């Protein structure tokens, strides 16, 4: 990798702030806790750990033997927690982890930052044990807010300035399914955070509807849960 490319990728990572919205973490945590079959145990990879919000939560789970937190960002205070190993690495590149070395991969709001979603998904599959669990999230480009932005401005809401060039890979629900299936995942299930902003406003659909609106058209983020074949 050239020095200029490394600087560009580092700058992209720094623009994100290393943290996601609360409803995203809540939805991912629920998916981790409620996934059928083996989950929340063994060795967990927090792929794109950022400032360590999910890492800290995972480290409190007694059934998890180790949390491997990977990010281009330098290690924060989460790296000092028991059973946490922080790996500073460019997530666009192959992970410095052996094949079939983790039981769970959690990737919150990270695939949209990376240059090759299919290569990323193949890397998740490589490091997961057979039957291992993947939980990922990414901006939902099929919400009314995102589709209206695309119709008016030619850009999805989460991929306009100032999100761009940190957000560079927009995936529709069908794309997510194709990417994961081609990488060797099965039992792929999509869900939504049921939290989304109105177009051009800070108010949410959920506040406007007293919590009645949700799903694909009224959520800013989509989740996928899958098993490694």
Protein backbone atom coordinates (compact mmCIF):
# COMPACT_ATOMS: atom_id res chain seq x y z
CA UNK A 1 0.00 0.00 0.00
CA UNK A 2 1.34 3.47 -0.88
CA UNK A 3 1.78 6.15 1.77
CA UNK A 4 -0.80 8.36 0.05
CA UNK A 5 -3.40 5.58 0.07
CA UNK A 6 -2.69 4.86 3.73
CA UNK A 7 -3.15 8.56 4.57
CA UNK A 8 -6.41 8.68 2.59
CA UNK A 9 -7.84 5.63 4.35
CA UNK A 10 -6.74 6.93 7.74
CA UNK A 11 -8.43 10.27 7.04
CA UNK A 12 -11.65 8.45 6.09
CA UNK A 13 -11.58 6.49 9.33
CA UNK A 14 -11.00 9.62 11.40
CA UNK A 15 -13.97 11.40 9.82
CA UNK A 16 -16.40 8.82 11.18
CA UNK A 17 -15.69 9.59 14.83
CA UNK A 18 -15.58 5.86 15.57
CA UNK A 19 -19.10 5.61 16.98
CA UNK A 20 -22.60 4.84 15.67
CA UNK A 21 -26.08 5.86 16.81
CA UNK A 22 -27.62 4.23 19.87
CA UNK A 23 -30.49 2.48 18.02
CA UNK A 24 -27.93 0.71 15.83
CA UNK A 25 -26.03 -0.70 18.80
CA UNK A 26 -29.31 -1.74 20.43
CA UNK A 27 -30.46 -3.54 17.28
CA UNK A 28 -27.13 -5.32 16.80
CA UNK A 29 -27.05 -6.35 20.46
CA UNK A 30 -30.56 -7.76 20.19
CA UNK A 31 -29.54 -9.66 17.05
CA UNK A 32 -26.49 -11.10 18.81
CA UNK A 33 -28.53 -12.17 21.83
CA UNK A 34 -31.48 -13.62 19.92
CA UNK A 35 -29.78 -15.35 16.98
CA UNK A 36 -30.72 -19.04 16.78
CA UNK A 37 -27.91 -21.49 17.40
CA UNK A 38 -24.49 -20.74 18.95
CA UNK A 39 -24.01 -17.03 19.70
CA UNK A 40 -22.41 -14.75 22.27
CA UNK A 41 -19.76 -17.25 23.21
CA UNK A 42 -16.15 -18.13 22.47
CA UNK A 43 -14.03 -15.64 20.56
CA UNK A 44 -15.78 -12.57 19.08
CA UNK A 45 -14.37 -10.25 16.42
CA UNK A 46 -15.52 -6.63 16.68
CA UNK A 47 -14.74 -5.70 13.09
CA UNK A 48 -14.47 -1.92 12.85
CA UNK A 49 -14.42 -1.37 16.60
CA UNK A 50 -14.05 2.40 16.40
CA UNK A 51 -13.90 3.86 19.89
CA UNK A 52 -14.82 0.50 21.42
CA UNK A 53 -18.49 1.01 22.28
CA UNK A 54 -19.49 -2.55 21.34
CA UNK A 55 -16.15 -3.95 22.50
CA UNK A 56 -16.84 -2.81 26.07
CA UNK A 57 -20.27 -4.38 26.05
CA UNK A 58 -19.00 -7.66 24.67
CA UNK A 59 -16.20 -7.77 27.23
CA UNK A 60 -18.81 -7.86 30.02
CA UNK A 61 -20.32 -11.12 28.73
CA UNK A 62 -19.02 -14.05 30.82
CA UNK A 63 -19.56 -16.57 28.02
CA UNK A 64 -17.17 -14.72 25.69
CA UNK A 65 -13.58 -15.87 26.08
CA UNK A 66 -11.95 -13.10 24.04
CA UNK A 67 -12.96 -9.97 22.13
CA UNK A 68 -10.70 -9.15 19.20
CA UNK A 69 -11.25 -5.49 18.31
CA UNK A 70 -9.98 -4.55 14.84
CA UNK A 71 -9.80 -1.04 13.43
CA UNK A 72 -7.48 1.32 11.64
CA UNK A 73 -7.91 3.67 14.59
CA UNK A 74 -5.37 3.33 17.41
CA UNK A 75 -6.39 1.44 20.51
CA UNK A 76 -8.46 3.34 23.07
CA UNK A 77 -9.23 2.57 26.69
CA UNK A 78 -11.34 -0.46 25.65
CA UNK A 79 -8.07 -2.20 24.78
CA UNK A 80 -7.14 -2.30 28.47
CA UNK A 81 -10.16 -4.37 29.46
CA UNK A 82 -9.75 -8.03 30.45
CA UNK A 83 -10.17 -10.47 27.56
CA UNK A 84 -9.87 -7.68 24.94
CA UNK A 85 -7.17 -7.79 22.26
CA UNK A 86 -6.91 -4.71 20.07
CA UNK A 87 -5.53 -5.15 16.54
CA UNK A 88 -4.75 -1.96 14.63
CA UNK A 89 -5.13 -2.85 10.97
CA UNK A 90 -6.52 -1.53 7.69
CA UNK A 91 -9.88 -3.26 7.27
CA UNK A 92 -9.57 -3.04 3.49
CA UNK A 93 -6.73 -5.56 3.75
CA UNK A 94 -6.72 -9.22 4.88
CA UNK A 95 -7.02 -9.55 8.64
CA UNK A 96 -3.95 -10.70 10.59
CA UNK A 97 -5.97 -13.61 11.99
CA UNK A 98 -5.85 -17.34 11.21
CA UNK A 99 -8.57 -19.16 9.28
CA UNK A 100 -11.55 -20.34 11.36
CA UNK A 101 -10.29 -18.53 14.46
CA UNK A 102 -13.42 -16.68 15.69
CA UNK A 103 -16.94 -17.79 16.60
CA UNK A 104 -18.77 -14.50 16.00
CA UNK A 105 -18.15 -11.46 13.79
CA UNK A 106 -19.91 -8.19 14.59
CA UNK A 107 -19.47 -5.48 11.95
CA UNK A 108 -21.40 -2.33 12.83
CA UNK A 109 -21.60 0.39 10.17
CA UNK A 110 -18.28 -0.50 8.57
CA UNK A 111 -18.80 -2.19 5.19
CA UNK A 112 -19.97 1.11 3.67
CA UNK A 113 -16.54 2.60 4.51
CA UNK A 114 -14.59 -0.09 2.65
CA UNK A 115 -13.62 -0.32 -0.99
CA UNK A 116 -14.59 -3.91 -1.81
CA UNK A 117 -17.63 -5.31 0.06
CA UNK A 118 -17.23 -8.76 -1.50
CA UNK A 119 -13.61 -9.05 -0.37
CA UNK A 120 -14.67 -7.97 3.13
CA UNK A 121 -17.41 -10.61 3.26
CA UNK A 122 -14.98 -13.30 2.11
CA UNK A 123 -12.60 -12.27 4.88
CA UNK A 124 -15.40 -12.54 7.46
CA UNK A 125 -16.12 -16.05 6.19
CA UNK A 126 -12.43 -16.97 6.27
CA UNK A 127 -11.92 -16.09 9.95
CA UNK A 128 -15.24 -17.58 11.13
CA UNK A 129 -15.52 -21.20 12.20
CA UNK A 130 -18.07 -23.26 10.22
CA UNK A 131 -21.46 -22.39 11.64
CA UNK A 132 -20.10 -19.15 13.10
CA UNK A 133 -22.36 -16.12 13.38
CA UNK A 134 -22.14 -12.85 11.45
CA UNK A 135 -24.11 -9.76 12.49
CA UNK A 136 -23.55 -6.66 10.37
CA UNK A 137 -25.26 -3.32 9.79
CA UNK A 138 -25.03 -0.62 7.15
CA UNK A 139 -27.02 2.45 6.04
CA UNK A 140 -30.38 1.53 4.52
CA UNK A 141 -30.54 3.10 1.07
CA UNK A 142 -34.13 1.88 0.58
CA UNK A 143 -35.72 4.15 3.18
CA UNK A 144 -38.00 6.94 2.01
CA UNK A 145 -35.41 9.46 3.22
CA UNK A 146 -32.62 7.88 1.23
CA UNK A 147 -34.67 7.32 -1.91
CA UNK A 148 -35.98 10.90 -1.90
CA UNK A 149 -32.42 12.17 -1.53
CA UNK A 150 -31.38 10.03 -4.49
CA UNK A 151 -34.34 11.22 -6.60
CA UNK A 152 -33.67 14.90 -5.88
CA UNK A 153 -29.87 15.05 -5.57
CA UNK A 154 -28.66 11.85 -7.20
CA UNK A 155 -27.05 10.71 -3.93
CA UNK A 156 -28.34 8.54 -1.11
CA UNK A 157 -28.78 10.37 2.19
CA UNK A 158 -25.95 8.58 4.01
CA UNK A 159 -23.57 8.99 1.07
CA UNK A 160 -23.72 12.77 0.62
CA UNK A 161 -21.28 15.30 2.04
CA UNK A 162 -20.24 15.22 4.89
CA UNK A 163 -20.60 11.41 4.95
CA UNK A 164 -18.70 11.06 1.67
CA UNK A 165 -15.87 10.08 1.23
CA UNK A 166 -16.09 8.09 4.46
CA UNK A 167 -19.19 6.29 3.14
CA UNK A 168 -18.25 4.92 -0.27
CA UNK A 169 -20.07 1.58 -0.76
CA UNK A 170 -23.87 1.73 -0.82
CA UNK A 171 -25.66 -1.63 -0.63
CA UNK A 172 -29.34 -2.35 -1.11
CA UNK A 173 -30.90 -5.29 0.72
CA UNK A 174 -30.59 -7.51 -2.36
CA UNK A 175 -26.91 -6.57 -2.69
CA UNK A 176 -26.26 -7.59 0.92
CA UNK A 177 -27.88 -10.95 0.30
CA UNK A 178 -25.84 -11.54 -2.86
CA UNK A 179 -22.56 -10.48 -1.25
CA UNK A 180 -23.00 -12.73 1.78
CA UNK A 181 -24.26 -15.71 -0.21
CA UNK A 182 -21.37 -15.49 -2.67
CA UNK A 183 -18.90 -15.29 0.24
CA UNK A 184 -20.17 -18.56 1.72
CA UNK A 185 -22.87 -17.55 4.18
CA UNK A 186 -26.25 -19.17 4.65
CA UNK A 187 -29.42 -18.54 6.69
CA UNK A 188 -29.19 -14.86 5.76
CA UNK A 189 -31.88 -12.78 7.49
CA UNK A 190 -32.37 -9.01 7.15
CA UNK A 191 -33.97 -6.69 9.67
CA UNK A 192 -34.16 -2.98 10.34
CA UNK A 193 -33.43 -0.66 13.27
CA UNK A 194 -36.94 0.85 13.25
CA UNK A 195 -35.37 4.26 13.72
CA UNK A 196 -35.19 6.75 10.87
CA UNK A 197 -35.20 10.50 10.32
CA UNK A 198 -37.72 12.35 8.23
CA UNK A 199 -36.29 13.77 4.98
CA UNK A 200 -34.62 17.11 5.69
CA UNK A 201 -35.50 17.07 9.39
CA UNK A 202 -34.08 15.97 12.73
CA UNK A 203 -37.37 14.43 13.83
CA UNK A 204 -37.88 10.69 13.38
CA UNK A 205 -40.72 8.78 11.73
CA UNK A 206 -41.13 6.93 15.01
CA UNK A 207 -41.70 10.12 17.02
CA UNK A 208 -44.18 11.35 14.42
CA UNK A 209 -46.13 8.06 14.40
CA UNK A 210 -45.82 7.23 18.12
CA UNK A 211 -43.66 4.25 17.20
CA UNK A 212 -46.01 2.76 14.60
CA UNK A 213 -43.76 3.25 11.56
CA UNK A 214 -40.70 1.07 11.02
CA UNK A 215 -39.19 -1.49 8.71
CA UNK A 216 -37.45 -0.95 5.40
CA UNK A 217 -39.00 2.38 4.40
CA UNK A 218 -38.77 4.08 7.79
CA UNK A 219 -35.37 2.89 9.11
CA UNK A 220 -32.02 4.52 8.42
CA UNK A 221 -30.06 1.28 8.91
CA UNK A 222 -30.39 -2.36 7.90
CA UNK A 223 -28.96 -5.43 9.67
CA UNK A 224 -28.00 -8.83 8.33
CA UNK A 225 -27.58 -11.98 10.40
CA UNK A 226 -25.99 -15.01 8.73
CA UNK A 227 -24.11 -18.25 9.40
CA UNK A 228 -20.82 -19.31 7.87
CA UNK A 229 -21.15 -22.48 5.80
